[in-house]
Amino acid sequence: MAKQLLIVSHSRSGNTARLAEAVVGAAGEVGGTGVEVRALSPFEAEADDVASAQGIVLGTPANFGYMSGALKDFFERIYHPCLDRTVGLPYCLFVKGDTDADGAVTSVQRIVAGLRWHQVLAPLVVVGPLTEDDLARAAEMGATMAAGLEADIF
């Protein structure tokens, strides 16, 4: 049975969506038949989606020094139902900000610390204009997550 990698991301301007597309594309290529990649918006993803995943990638723009309201809504809906069901879930995070992303990273890390998820890759933080190098780093994140799940590293 294939392992599930869940990618939950939100974008308003399209830049975070481009990063998410790079993550999803590379994860799908590397994961092959051993990893099923599911990409959902924070409004679509439910607690059962998270509980059935063996890994999760979170993506958000940095809005007013915080994660997007959509990702916060996702956490509010899944937090208690997942609290004891997803302990140790491997996760990583990508954030796109115009001038700063530290507050968005910290806000996500505080919530996932409460969920007791396990960060397996450093956050990918993009500040300023999106570049091809940023997209390559996002693809590397997706590929690494899929390969890690498939090889039972995470």
N, C-alpha and C. Protein backbone atom coordinates (compact mmCIF):
# COMPACT_ATOMS: atom_id res chain seq x y z
N MET A 1 0.84 -1.19 0.00
CA MET A 1 0.00 0.00 0.00
C MET A 1 0.88 1.25 0.00
N ALA A 2 0.55 2.19 -0.86
CA ALA A 2 1.34 3.42 -0.98
C ALA A 2 1.19 4.28 0.27
N LYS A 3 2.26 4.95 0.61
CA LYS A 3 2.23 5.92 1.70
C LYS A 3 1.66 7.22 1.15
N GLN A 4 1.06 8.01 2.03
CA GLN A 4 0.46 9.26 1.59
C GLN A 4 1.28 10.46 2.06
N LEU A 5 1.58 11.33 1.12
CA LEU A 5 2.20 12.62 1.42
C LEU A 5 1.14 13.67 1.14
N LEU A 6 0.75 14.38 2.18
CA LEU A 6 -0.26 15.42 2.07
C LEU A 6 0.42 16.78 1.97
N ILE A 7 0.00 17.56 1.00
CA ILE A 7 0.53 18.93 0.84
C ILE A 7 -0.64 19.88 1.00
N VAL A 8 -0.56 20.72 2.03
CA VAL A 8 -1.61 21.68 2.35
C VAL A 8 -0.99 23.07 2.21
N SER A 9 -1.49 23.83 1.24
CA SER A 9 -0.92 25.16 1.04
C SER A 9 -1.99 26.13 0.56
N HIS A 10 -1.69 27.40 0.82
CA HIS A 10 -2.60 28.48 0.44
C HIS A 10 -1.82 29.57 -0.28
N SER A 11 -2.45 30.18 -1.25
CA SER A 11 -1.83 31.27 -1.98
C SER A 11 -2.89 32.25 -2.42
N ARG A 12 -2.58 33.51 -2.34
CA ARG A 12 -3.48 34.54 -2.84
C ARG A 12 -2.93 35.18 -4.11
N SER A 13 -1.65 35.49 -4.10
CA SER A 13 -1.06 36.18 -5.24
C SER A 13 -0.56 35.22 -6.32
N GLY A 14 -0.40 33.96 -5.97
CA GLY A 14 0.08 32.97 -6.93
C GLY A 14 1.51 32.51 -6.69
N ASN A 15 2.30 33.28 -5.95
CA ASN A 15 3.68 32.88 -5.72
C ASN A 15 3.79 31.65 -4.84
N THR A 16 3.01 31.58 -3.79
CA THR A 16 3.03 30.39 -2.94
C THR A 16 2.48 29.20 -3.71
N ALA A 17 1.53 29.43 -4.59
CA ALA A 17 1.00 28.35 -5.43
C ALA A 17 2.08 27.80 -6.36
N ARG A 18 2.92 28.66 -6.88
CA ARG A 18 4.02 28.19 -7.74
C ARG A 18 5.00 27.34 -6.95
N LEU A 19 5.28 27.72 -5.72
CA LEU A 19 6.13 26.90 -4.87
C LEU A 19 5.47 25.54 -4.60
N ALA A 20 4.17 25.57 -4.31
CA ALA A 20 3.43 24.33 -4.06
C ALA A 20 3.45 23.42 -5.28
N GLU A 21 3.29 23.99 -6.46
CA GLU A 21 3.33 23.19 -7.69
C GLU A 21 4.68 22.51 -7.86
N ALA A 22 5.75 23.21 -7.50
CA ALA A 22 7.09 22.62 -7.58
C ALA A 22 7.23 21.48 -6.58
N VAL A 23 6.72 21.66 -5.37
CA VAL A 23 6.75 20.61 -4.35
C VAL A 23 5.98 19.39 -4.83
N VAL A 24 4.76 19.61 -5.28
CA VAL A 24 3.88 18.51 -5.72
C VAL A 24 4.49 17.77 -6.91
N GLY A 25 4.95 18.52 -7.89
CA GLY A 25 5.50 17.89 -9.10
C GLY A 25 6.69 17.00 -8.80
N ALA A 26 7.63 17.51 -8.02
CA ALA A 26 8.82 16.72 -7.70
C ALA A 26 8.49 15.54 -6.80
N ALA A 27 7.59 15.74 -5.86
CA ALA A 27 7.19 14.63 -4.97
C ALA A 27 6.54 13.52 -5.78
N GLY A 28 5.71 13.88 -6.74
CA GLY A 28 5.06 12.88 -7.58
C GLY A 28 6.04 12.11 -8.44
N GLU A 29 7.05 12.80 -8.95
CA GLU A 29 8.06 12.14 -9.78
C GLU A 29 8.92 11.18 -8.98
N VAL A 30 9.34 11.60 -7.81
CA VAL A 30 10.23 10.78 -6.99
C VAL A 30 9.49 9.67 -6.28
N GLY A 31 8.29 9.96 -5.82
CA GLY A 31 7.54 8.98 -5.04
C GLY A 31 7.12 7.76 -5.81
N GLY A 32 6.97 7.89 -7.12
CA GLY A 32 6.57 6.75 -7.94
C GLY A 32 5.31 6.10 -7.43
N THR A 33 5.30 4.79 -7.38
CA THR A 33 4.12 4.07 -6.92
C THR A 33 4.13 3.88 -5.41
N GLY A 34 5.24 4.19 -4.75
CA GLY A 34 5.34 3.99 -3.31
C GLY A 34 4.75 5.11 -2.48
N VAL A 35 4.52 6.26 -3.10
CA VAL A 35 4.00 7.41 -2.37
C VAL A 35 2.88 8.06 -3.19
N GLU A 36 1.73 8.19 -2.57
CA GLU A 36 0.61 8.91 -3.18
C GLU A 36 0.67 10.36 -2.70
N VAL A 37 0.74 11.30 -3.62
CA VAL A 37 0.82 12.72 -3.29
C VAL A 37 -0.56 13.33 -3.42
N ARG A 38 -1.02 13.94 -2.33
CA ARG A 38 -2.32 14.62 -2.34
C ARG A 38 -2.10 16.09 -1.99
N ALA A 39 -2.57 16.97 -2.84
CA ALA A 39 -2.47 18.41 -2.60
C ALA A 39 -3.87 18.96 -2.36
N LEU A 40 -4.04 19.58 -1.21
CA LEU A 40 -5.34 20.15 -0.85
C LEU A 40 -5.16 21.58 -0.35
N SER A 41 -6.17 22.38 -0.54
CA SER A 41 -6.15 23.71 0.06
C SER A 41 -6.45 23.55 1.54
N PRO A 42 -6.07 24.53 2.34
CA PRO A 42 -6.39 24.44 3.77
C PRO A 42 -7.89 24.34 4.04
N PHE A 43 -8.70 24.86 3.14
CA PHE A 43 -10.15 24.79 3.32
C PHE A 43 -10.71 23.41 2.98
N GLU A 44 -10.01 22.64 2.17
CA GLU A 44 -10.44 21.30 1.80
C GLU A 44 -9.95 20.23 2.76
N ALA A 45 -8.76 20.40 3.29
CA ALA A 45 -8.12 19.38 4.12
C ALA A 45 -8.85 19.23 5.45
N GLU A 46 -9.06 17.98 5.82
CA GLU A 46 -9.75 17.65 7.07
C GLU A 46 -8.83 16.83 7.97
N ALA A 47 -9.25 16.64 9.19
CA ALA A 47 -8.47 15.87 10.16
C ALA A 47 -8.18 14.46 9.66
N ASP A 48 -9.15 13.81 9.02
CA ASP A 48 -8.92 12.46 8.50
C ASP A 48 -7.87 12.43 7.41
N ASP A 49 -7.77 13.50 6.61
CA ASP A 49 -6.72 13.58 5.59
C ASP A 49 -5.35 13.60 6.26
N VAL A 50 -5.24 14.37 7.33
CA VAL A 50 -3.98 14.47 8.06
C VAL A 50 -3.66 13.15 8.75
N ALA A 51 -4.64 12.55 9.40
CA ALA A 51 -4.43 11.31 10.14
C ALA A 51 -4.04 10.15 9.23
N SER A 52 -4.48 10.16 7.99
CA SER A 52 -4.16 9.07 7.08
C SER A 52 -2.83 9.29 6.34
N ALA A 53 -2.22 10.47 6.51
CA ALA A 53 -0.96 10.77 5.84
C ALA A 53 0.23 10.29 6.68
N GLN A 54 1.28 9.89 5.98
CA GLN A 54 2.53 9.52 6.66
C GLN A 54 3.52 10.68 6.66
N GLY A 55 3.17 11.78 5.99
CA GLY A 55 3.99 12.98 5.96
C GLY A 55 3.15 14.13 5.46
N ILE A 56 3.54 15.35 5.84
CA ILE A 56 2.78 16.53 5.41
C ILE A 56 3.74 17.68 5.11
N VAL A 57 3.42 18.40 4.05
CA VAL A 57 4.13 19.62 3.69
C VAL A 57 3.13 20.75 3.80
N LEU A 58 3.50 21.79 4.52
CA LEU A 58 2.65 22.96 4.72
C LEU A 58 3.23 24.14 3.96
N GLY A 59 2.35 24.92 3.32
CA GLY A 59 2.80 26.10 2.60
C GLY A 59 1.89 27.27 2.87
N THR A 60 2.49 28.44 3.06
CA THR A 60 1.71 29.63 3.37
C THR A 60 2.44 30.90 2.94
N PRO A 61 1.69 31.91 2.55
CA PRO A 61 2.32 33.23 2.44
C PRO A 61 2.46 33.81 3.85
N ALA A 62 3.34 34.75 3.98
CA ALA A 62 3.47 35.49 5.24
C ALA A 62 2.56 36.71 5.13
N ASN A 63 1.55 36.75 5.97
CA ASN A 63 0.59 37.85 5.96
C ASN A 63 0.62 38.59 7.29
N PHE A 64 1.02 39.84 7.26
CA PHE A 64 1.05 40.67 8.46
C PHE A 64 1.85 40.00 9.58
N GLY A 65 2.96 39.35 9.21
CA GLY A 65 3.81 38.71 10.20
C GLY A 65 3.26 37.40 10.75
N TYR A 66 2.35 36.75 10.00
CA TYR A 66 1.71 35.53 10.48
C TYR A 66 1.44 34.62 9.28
N MET A 67 1.05 33.39 9.55
CA MET A 67 0.62 32.49 8.47
C MET A 67 -0.68 33.03 7.88
N SER A 68 -1.09 32.48 6.74
CA SER A 68 -2.34 32.91 6.14
C SER A 68 -3.52 32.52 7.02
N GLY A 69 -4.59 33.27 6.92
CA GLY A 69 -5.80 32.94 7.66
C GLY A 69 -6.34 31.58 7.28
N ALA A 70 -6.15 31.19 6.02
CA ALA A 70 -6.61 29.87 5.56
C ALA A 70 -5.87 28.75 6.28
N LEU A 71 -4.55 28.88 6.43
CA LEU A 71 -3.80 27.84 7.12
C LEU A 71 -4.15 27.83 8.61
N LYS A 72 -4.38 28.99 9.17
CA LYS A 72 -4.80 29.05 10.58
C LYS A 72 -6.14 28.37 10.76
N ASP A 73 -7.07 28.58 9.83
CA ASP A 73 -8.36 27.91 9.88
C ASP A 73 -8.18 26.39 9.83
N PHE A 74 -7.29 25.92 8.96
CA PHE A 74 -6.98 24.50 8.86
C PHE A 74 -6.53 23.97 10.23
N PHE A 75 -5.58 24.64 10.83
CA PHE A 75 -5.08 24.19 12.14
C PHE A 75 -6.19 24.20 13.20
N GLU A 76 -7.03 25.22 13.19
CA GLU A 76 -8.11 25.28 14.17
C GLU A 76 -9.08 24.10 14.02
N ARG A 77 -9.31 23.67 12.78
CA ARG A 77 -10.24 22.56 12.56
C ARG A 77 -9.64 21.19 12.83
N ILE A 78 -8.34 21.03 12.59
CA ILE A 78 -7.75 19.70 12.75
C ILE A 78 -7.02 19.49 14.07
N TYR A 79 -6.77 20.56 14.81
CA TYR A 79 -5.89 20.47 15.98
C TYR A 79 -6.37 19.41 16.98
N HIS A 80 -7.52 19.57 17.54
CA HIS A 80 -7.97 18.63 18.57
C HIS A 80 -8.24 17.23 18.01
N PRO A 81 -8.88 17.08 16.85
CA PRO A 81 -9.06 15.73 16.31
C PRO A 81 -7.74 15.01 16.00
N CYS A 82 -6.68 15.76 15.71
CA CYS A 82 -5.39 15.14 15.36
C CYS A 82 -4.41 15.07 16.52
N LEU A 83 -4.73 15.71 17.62
CA LEU A 83 -3.77 15.88 18.71
C LEU A 83 -3.12 14.57 19.13
N ASP A 84 -3.87 13.53 19.34
CA ASP A 84 -3.30 12.26 19.76
C ASP A 84 -3.14 11.27 18.62
N ARG A 85 -3.69 11.58 17.44
CA ARG A 85 -3.65 10.66 16.31
C ARG A 85 -2.44 10.85 15.40
N THR A 86 -1.77 11.99 15.49
CA THR A 86 -0.71 12.28 14.52
C THR A 86 0.63 12.61 15.19
N VAL A 87 0.81 12.18 16.40
CA VAL A 87 2.08 12.44 17.10
C VAL A 87 3.23 11.88 16.27
N GLY A 88 4.26 12.69 16.08
CA GLY A 88 5.44 12.26 15.33
C GLY A 88 5.32 12.38 13.83
N LEU A 89 4.22 12.94 13.33
CA LEU A 89 4.04 13.08 11.88
C LEU A 89 5.17 13.91 11.29
N PRO A 90 5.90 13.36 10.31
CA PRO A 90 6.96 14.15 9.68
C PRO A 90 6.36 15.31 8.87
N TYR A 91 6.93 16.49 9.05
CA TYR A 91 6.43 17.65 8.31
C TYR A 91 7.57 18.55 7.90
N CYS A 92 7.26 19.38 6.91
CA CYS A 92 8.14 20.50 6.55
C CYS A 92 7.26 21.65 6.09
N LEU A 93 7.86 22.80 5.93
CA LEU A 93 7.13 24.04 5.73
C LEU A 93 7.83 24.91 4.70
N PHE A 94 7.03 25.54 3.83
CA PHE A 94 7.57 26.60 2.98
C PHE A 94 6.71 27.85 3.15
N VAL A 95 7.40 29.01 3.15
CA VAL A 95 6.74 30.30 3.38
C VAL A 95 7.26 31.30 2.36
N LYS A 96 6.34 32.05 1.78
CA LYS A 96 6.70 33.12 0.83
C LYS A 96 6.26 34.45 1.42
N GLY A 97 7.21 35.36 1.60
CA GLY A 97 6.90 36.69 2.11
C GLY A 97 7.46 37.77 1.22
N ASP A 98 6.88 38.95 1.30
CA ASP A 98 7.39 40.08 0.52
C ASP A 98 8.61 40.71 1.18
N THR A 99 8.52 40.93 2.50
CA THR A 99 9.61 41.60 3.20
C THR A 99 10.13 40.83 4.40
N ASP A 100 9.32 39.92 4.95
CA ASP A 100 9.71 39.18 6.14
C ASP A 100 8.81 37.94 6.24
N ALA A 101 9.35 36.86 6.74
CA ALA A 101 8.55 35.64 6.90
C ALA A 101 8.76 35.00 8.26
N ASP A 102 9.57 35.60 9.11
CA ASP A 102 9.89 35.00 10.40
C ASP A 102 8.66 34.74 11.26
N GLY A 103 7.74 35.70 11.31
CA GLY A 103 6.54 35.52 12.12
C GLY A 103 5.67 34.38 11.63
N ALA A 104 5.58 34.21 10.31
CA ALA A 104 4.79 33.11 9.75
C ALA A 104 5.41 31.77 10.11
N VAL A 105 6.72 31.68 9.99
CA VAL A 105 7.41 30.43 10.35
C VAL A 105 7.19 30.11 11.82
N THR A 106 7.40 31.09 12.68
CA THR A 106 7.24 30.89 14.12
C THR A 106 5.81 30.49 14.47
N SER A 107 4.83 31.12 13.85
CA SER A 107 3.44 30.81 14.18
C SER A 107 3.09 29.37 13.82
N VAL A 108 3.58 28.89 12.69
CA VAL A 108 3.33 27.49 12.31
C VAL A 108 4.08 26.56 13.26
N GLN A 109 5.33 26.87 13.55
CA GLN A 109 6.13 26.00 14.41
C GLN A 109 5.52 25.86 15.81
N ARG A 110 4.92 26.91 16.32
CA ARG A 110 4.29 26.83 17.63
C ARG A 110 3.12 25.86 17.63
N ILE A 111 2.32 25.90 16.58
CA ILE A 111 1.15 25.02 16.51
C ILE A 111 1.59 23.57 16.31
N VAL A 112 2.52 23.33 15.40
CA VAL A 112 2.93 21.94 15.17
C VAL A 112 3.70 21.37 16.37
N ALA A 113 4.32 22.24 17.15
CA ALA A 113 4.95 21.77 18.39
C ALA A 113 3.89 21.22 19.33
N GLY A 114 2.75 21.89 19.41
CA GLY A 114 1.65 21.40 20.23
C GLY A 114 1.08 20.09 19.71
N LEU A 115 1.08 19.92 18.39
CA LEU A 115 0.61 18.67 17.79
C LEU A 115 1.65 17.55 17.93
N ARG A 116 2.86 17.94 18.27
CA ARG A 116 3.99 17.01 18.44
C ARG A 116 4.39 16.35 17.12
N TRP A 117 4.32 17.16 16.04
CA TRP A 117 4.81 16.69 14.75
C TRP A 117 6.32 16.83 14.73
N HIS A 118 6.97 16.11 13.82
CA HIS A 118 8.42 16.07 13.75
C HIS A 118 8.91 16.79 12.48
N GLN A 119 9.60 17.90 12.67
CA GLN A 119 10.14 18.65 11.53
C GLN A 119 11.33 17.88 10.95
N VAL A 120 11.24 17.50 9.67
CA VAL A 120 12.30 16.70 9.06
C VAL A 120 13.18 17.49 8.10
N LEU A 121 12.75 18.67 7.70
CA LEU A 121 13.53 19.55 6.84
C LEU A 121 13.41 20.97 7.37
N ALA A 122 14.46 21.74 7.20
CA ALA A 122 14.41 23.15 7.59
C ALA A 122 13.36 23.87 6.75
N PRO A 123 12.70 24.87 7.33
CA PRO A 123 11.71 25.63 6.54
C PRO A 123 12.36 26.27 5.31
N LEU A 124 11.64 26.24 4.22
CA LEU A 124 12.05 26.96 3.02
C LEU A 124 11.39 28.33 3.11
N VAL A 125 12.20 29.37 3.23
CA VAL A 125 11.69 30.73 3.37
C VAL A 125 12.13 31.54 2.16
N VAL A 126 11.16 32.11 1.47
CA VAL A 126 11.44 32.95 0.31
C VAL A 126 10.93 34.35 0.62
N VAL A 127 11.83 35.31 0.60
CA VAL A 127 11.47 36.71 0.83
C VAL A 127 11.85 37.50 -0.40
N GLY A 128 10.90 38.28 -0.88
CA GLY A 128 11.14 39.07 -2.09
C GLY A 128 10.66 38.33 -3.32
N PRO A 129 11.10 38.78 -4.49
CA PRO A 129 10.64 38.17 -5.74
C PRO A 129 11.00 36.68 -5.81
N LEU A 130 10.09 35.90 -6.35
CA LEU A 130 10.29 34.46 -6.53
C LEU A 130 11.25 34.22 -7.68
N THR A 131 12.23 33.34 -7.48
CA THR A 131 13.23 33.06 -8.51
C THR A 131 13.17 31.58 -8.91
N GLU A 132 13.85 31.26 -9.98
CA GLU A 132 13.96 29.86 -10.41
C GLU A 132 14.67 29.03 -9.34
N ASP A 133 15.64 29.62 -8.66
CA ASP A 133 16.34 28.92 -7.59
C ASP A 133 15.37 28.57 -6.45
N ASP A 134 14.46 29.48 -6.14
CA ASP A 134 13.45 29.21 -5.11
C ASP A 134 12.57 28.03 -5.52
N LEU A 135 12.16 28.00 -6.77
CA LEU A 135 11.33 26.91 -7.27
C LEU A 135 12.10 25.59 -7.25
N ALA A 136 13.38 25.65 -7.54
CA ALA A 136 14.22 24.44 -7.48
C ALA A 136 14.34 23.95 -6.04
N ARG A 137 14.46 24.87 -5.10
CA ARG A 137 14.53 24.46 -3.69
C ARG A 137 13.21 23.87 -3.22
N ALA A 138 12.09 24.39 -3.72
CA ALA A 138 10.78 23.82 -3.39
C ALA A 138 10.65 22.42 -3.98
N ALA A 139 11.11 22.24 -5.20
CA ALA A 139 11.08 20.92 -5.82
C ALA A 139 11.94 19.94 -5.02
N GLU A 140 13.09 20.40 -4.57
CA GLU A 140 13.96 19.55 -3.75
C GLU A 140 13.26 19.15 -2.45
N MET A 141 12.50 20.06 -1.86
CA MET A 141 11.75 19.75 -0.65
C MET A 141 10.74 18.63 -0.92
N GLY A 142 9.98 18.78 -2.00
CA GLY A 142 8.99 17.76 -2.34
C GLY A 142 9.63 16.42 -2.63
N ALA A 143 10.70 16.42 -3.40
CA ALA A 143 11.40 15.18 -3.74
C ALA A 143 11.97 14.52 -2.49
N THR A 144 12.54 15.32 -1.60
CA THR A 144 13.12 14.77 -0.37
C THR A 144 12.06 14.16 0.53
N MET A 145 10.93 14.83 0.66
CA MET A 145 9.85 14.28 1.48
C MET A 145 9.35 12.96 0.90
N ALA A 146 9.12 12.91 -0.39
CA ALA A 146 8.62 11.68 -1.02
C ALA A 146 9.65 10.56 -0.90
N ALA A 147 10.90 10.85 -1.18
CA ALA A 147 11.95 9.82 -1.08
C ALA A 147 12.12 9.34 0.35
N GLY A 148 12.05 10.27 1.29
CA GLY A 148 12.17 9.89 2.70
C GLY A 148 11.05 8.99 3.17
N LEU A 149 9.84 9.27 2.71
CA LEU A 149 8.70 8.41 3.06
C LEU A 149 8.83 7.04 2.41
N GLU A 150 9.18 7.05 1.13
CA GLU A 150 9.28 5.79 0.40
C GLU A 150 10.38 4.89 0.99
N ALA A 151 11.47 5.47 1.45
CA ALA A 151 12.58 4.71 2.01
C ALA A 151 12.46 4.45 3.51
N ASP A 152 11.34 4.85 4.10
CA ASP A 152 11.12 4.70 5.55
C ASP A 152 12.15 5.44 6.39
N ILE A 153 12.66 6.56 5.87
CA ILE A 153 13.59 7.39 6.64
C ILE A 153 12.82 8.28 7.60
N PHE A 154 11.66 8.74 7.16
CA PHE A 154 10.83 9.62 8.01
C PHE A 154 9.72 8.79 8.63
